[in-house]
């Protein structure tokens, strides 16, 4: 990734505090959950309960997507 793109992504990450995390439920349907996050560079951290549905979904299938809304 070039430095201009990295800077643009970091600006986006640091301008917001929430994102929508999409995971896959065991019945095959997607689940989209708004979560708050913190970041260290391009690494995002989300605090959640260990038995939350999104955590169970990720343990079963690590493929996730995320999106940001307007600032």
N, C-alpha and C. Protein backbone atom coordinates (compact mmCIF):
# COMPACT_ATOMS: atom_id res chain seq x y z
N UNK A 1 0.86 -1.17 0.00
CA UNK A 1 0.00 0.00 0.00
C UNK A 1 0.91 1.23 0.00
N UNK A 2 0.60 2.18 -0.86
CA UNK A 2 1.44 3.38 -0.90
C UNK A 2 1.10 4.30 0.28
N UNK A 3 2.01 5.20 0.58
CA UNK A 3 1.87 6.03 1.77
C UNK A 3 0.69 7.00 1.69
N UNK A 4 0.33 7.47 0.50
CA UNK A 4 -0.82 8.38 0.36
C UNK A 4 -2.12 7.65 0.69
N UNK A 5 -2.26 6.41 0.22
CA UNK A 5 -3.46 5.63 0.51
C UNK A 5 -3.52 5.29 2.00
N UNK A 6 -2.39 4.91 2.57
CA UNK A 6 -2.35 4.60 4.01
C UNK A 6 -2.77 5.82 4.83
N UNK A 7 -2.27 6.98 4.48
CA UNK A 7 -2.63 8.21 5.20
C UNK A 7 -4.12 8.50 5.07
N UNK A 8 -4.67 8.28 3.90
CA UNK A 8 -6.10 8.51 3.68
C UNK A 8 -6.95 7.55 4.52
N UNK A 9 -6.56 6.29 4.58
CA UNK A 9 -7.28 5.30 5.38
C UNK A 9 -7.18 5.65 6.87
N UNK A 10 -5.99 6.01 7.33
CA UNK A 10 -5.83 6.38 8.74
C UNK A 10 -6.66 7.60 9.09
N UNK A 11 -6.75 8.56 8.20
CA UNK A 11 -7.58 9.74 8.45
C UNK A 11 -9.04 9.34 8.61
N UNK A 12 -9.50 8.44 7.78
CA UNK A 12 -10.87 7.94 7.86
C UNK A 12 -11.10 7.22 9.18
N UNK A 13 -10.21 6.33 9.54
CA UNK A 13 -10.33 5.56 10.79
C UNK A 13 -10.36 6.49 12.00
N UNK A 14 -9.48 7.47 12.02
CA UNK A 14 -9.36 8.33 13.19
C UNK A 14 -10.45 9.40 13.27
N UNK A 15 -11.19 9.62 12.19
CA UNK A 15 -12.26 10.62 12.19
C UNK A 15 -13.56 10.07 12.74
N UNK A 16 -13.66 8.78 12.92
CA UNK A 16 -14.89 8.14 13.38
C UNK A 16 -14.60 7.33 14.63
N UNK A 17 -15.64 6.88 15.27
CA UNK A 17 -15.46 6.03 16.43
C UNK A 17 -16.33 4.79 16.37
N UNK A 18 -17.13 4.70 15.30
CA UNK A 18 -17.98 3.51 15.15
C UNK A 18 -17.89 3.02 13.71
N UNK A 19 -18.19 1.75 13.55
CA UNK A 19 -18.26 1.14 12.24
C UNK A 19 -19.33 0.07 12.28
N UNK A 20 -19.71 -0.43 11.13
CA UNK A 20 -20.65 -1.54 11.05
C UNK A 20 -19.85 -2.78 10.67
N UNK A 21 -19.92 -3.79 11.51
CA UNK A 21 -19.21 -5.05 11.32
C UNK A 21 -20.21 -6.10 10.86
N UNK A 22 -19.95 -6.70 9.72
CA UNK A 22 -20.83 -7.73 9.18
C UNK A 22 -20.17 -9.09 9.34
N UNK A 23 -20.90 -10.01 9.96
CA UNK A 23 -20.43 -11.38 10.16
C UNK A 23 -21.48 -12.33 9.57
N UNK A 24 -21.16 -13.61 9.56
CA UNK A 24 -22.06 -14.61 9.00
C UNK A 24 -22.63 -15.49 10.10
N UNK A 25 -23.95 -15.49 10.24
CA UNK A 25 -24.61 -16.31 11.26
C UNK A 25 -24.57 -17.78 10.85
N UNK A 26 -24.86 -18.66 11.80
CA UNK A 26 -24.82 -20.10 11.51
C UNK A 26 -25.91 -20.55 10.55
N UNK A 27 -26.98 -19.73 10.37
CA UNK A 27 -28.02 -20.09 9.41
C UNK A 27 -27.72 -19.55 8.01
N UNK A 28 -26.53 -18.94 7.83
CA UNK A 28 -26.12 -18.45 6.53
C UNK A 28 -26.46 -17.00 6.25
N UNK A 29 -27.22 -16.37 7.12
CA UNK A 29 -27.61 -14.97 6.92
C UNK A 29 -26.56 -14.05 7.51
N UNK A 30 -26.36 -12.88 6.90
CA UNK A 30 -25.40 -11.92 7.46
C UNK A 30 -25.98 -11.23 8.69
N UNK A 31 -25.11 -10.82 9.56
CA UNK A 31 -25.49 -10.03 10.72
C UNK A 31 -24.63 -8.79 10.72
N UNK A 32 -25.24 -7.62 10.69
CA UNK A 32 -24.52 -6.35 10.71
C UNK A 32 -24.73 -5.69 12.06
N UNK A 33 -23.65 -5.35 12.73
CA UNK A 33 -23.69 -4.79 14.07
C UNK A 33 -22.86 -3.52 14.12
N UNK A 34 -23.42 -2.44 14.64
CA UNK A 34 -22.65 -1.21 14.84
C UNK A 34 -21.84 -1.37 16.11
N UNK A 35 -20.54 -1.12 16.01
CA UNK A 35 -19.64 -1.26 17.16
C UNK A 35 -18.74 -0.04 17.27
N UNK A 36 -18.35 0.29 18.49
CA UNK A 36 -17.33 1.30 18.73
C UNK A 36 -15.97 0.62 18.65
N UNK A 37 -14.95 1.37 18.29
CA UNK A 37 -13.63 0.78 18.18
C UNK A 37 -12.55 1.77 18.58
N UNK A 38 -11.37 1.22 18.81
CA UNK A 38 -10.15 2.00 18.98
C UNK A 38 -9.16 1.45 17.96
N UNK A 39 -8.16 2.24 17.64
CA UNK A 39 -7.19 1.74 16.67
C UNK A 39 -5.77 2.06 17.08
N UNK A 40 -4.86 1.25 16.58
CA UNK A 40 -3.42 1.49 16.66
C UNK A 40 -2.95 1.34 15.22
N UNK A 41 -2.84 2.46 14.54
CA UNK A 41 -2.54 2.40 13.11
C UNK A 41 -3.71 1.79 12.38
N UNK A 42 -3.44 0.82 11.52
CA UNK A 42 -4.50 0.17 10.75
C UNK A 42 -5.14 -1.01 11.49
N UNK A 43 -4.69 -1.29 12.71
CA UNK A 43 -5.29 -2.37 13.50
C UNK A 43 -6.45 -1.80 14.31
N UNK A 44 -7.62 -2.43 14.18
CA UNK A 44 -8.82 -1.99 14.89
C UNK A 44 -9.10 -2.93 16.06
N UNK A 45 -9.55 -2.37 17.17
CA UNK A 45 -9.90 -3.14 18.36
C UNK A 45 -11.34 -2.83 18.73
N UNK A 46 -12.10 -3.88 19.00
CA UNK A 46 -13.50 -3.77 19.40
C UNK A 46 -13.67 -4.49 20.72
N UNK A 47 -14.26 -3.82 21.71
CA UNK A 47 -14.55 -4.46 22.99
C UNK A 47 -15.96 -5.04 22.91
N UNK A 48 -16.09 -6.30 23.31
CA UNK A 48 -17.39 -6.97 23.27
C UNK A 48 -17.37 -8.13 24.24
N UNK A 49 -18.55 -8.58 24.60
CA UNK A 49 -18.64 -9.75 25.47
C UNK A 49 -18.18 -11.00 24.74
N UNK A 50 -17.54 -11.90 25.44
CA UNK A 50 -17.02 -13.12 24.83
C UNK A 50 -18.07 -14.04 24.25
N UNK A 51 -19.31 -13.91 24.72
CA UNK A 51 -20.38 -14.78 24.22
C UNK A 51 -21.33 -14.01 23.29
N UNK A 52 -20.94 -12.83 22.84
CA UNK A 52 -21.79 -12.06 21.93
C UNK A 52 -21.97 -12.81 20.61
N UNK A 53 -23.11 -12.61 19.98
CA UNK A 53 -23.40 -13.29 18.72
C UNK A 53 -22.31 -13.03 17.68
N UNK A 54 -21.83 -11.79 17.57
CA UNK A 54 -20.79 -11.48 16.57
C UNK A 54 -19.52 -12.26 16.85
N UNK A 55 -19.19 -12.48 18.12
CA UNK A 55 -18.01 -13.25 18.47
C UNK A 55 -18.20 -14.71 18.08
N UNK A 56 -19.36 -15.27 18.38
CA UNK A 56 -19.64 -16.65 17.98
C UNK A 56 -19.58 -16.80 16.46
N UNK A 57 -20.10 -15.79 15.75
CA UNK A 57 -20.05 -15.83 14.29
C UNK A 57 -18.60 -15.83 13.78
N UNK A 58 -17.77 -14.96 14.36
CA UNK A 58 -16.37 -14.86 13.92
C UNK A 58 -15.60 -16.13 14.26
N UNK A 59 -15.89 -16.73 15.39
CA UNK A 59 -15.21 -17.99 15.75
C UNK A 59 -15.55 -19.09 14.74
N UNK A 60 -16.75 -19.07 14.24
CA UNK A 60 -17.20 -20.08 13.29
C UNK A 60 -16.68 -19.78 11.88
N UNK A 61 -16.67 -18.49 11.50
CA UNK A 61 -16.23 -18.08 10.16
C UNK A 61 -15.55 -16.72 10.28
N UNK A 62 -14.25 -16.68 10.06
CA UNK A 62 -13.47 -15.46 10.26
C UNK A 62 -13.63 -14.44 9.15
N UNK A 63 -14.41 -14.72 8.12
CA UNK A 63 -14.65 -13.76 7.05
C UNK A 63 -15.61 -12.69 7.54
N UNK A 64 -15.14 -11.45 7.60
CA UNK A 64 -15.97 -10.34 8.05
C UNK A 64 -15.81 -9.18 7.06
N UNK A 65 -16.75 -8.28 7.11
CA UNK A 65 -16.67 -7.04 6.33
C UNK A 65 -17.00 -5.90 7.27
N UNK A 66 -16.52 -4.71 6.92
CA UNK A 66 -16.89 -3.54 7.72
C UNK A 66 -17.10 -2.36 6.80
N UNK A 67 -17.86 -1.42 7.32
CA UNK A 67 -18.12 -0.20 6.58
C UNK A 67 -18.25 0.97 7.55
N UNK A 68 -17.97 2.15 7.04
CA UNK A 68 -18.12 3.37 7.81
C UNK A 68 -19.26 4.18 7.20
N UNK A 69 -19.99 4.88 8.06
CA UNK A 69 -20.99 5.81 7.58
C UNK A 69 -20.38 7.18 7.39
N UNK A 70 -21.22 8.14 7.10
CA UNK A 70 -20.76 9.52 6.93
C UNK A 70 -20.26 10.06 8.27
N UNK A 71 -19.29 10.95 8.26
CA UNK A 71 -18.76 11.50 9.52
C UNK A 71 -19.79 12.34 10.24
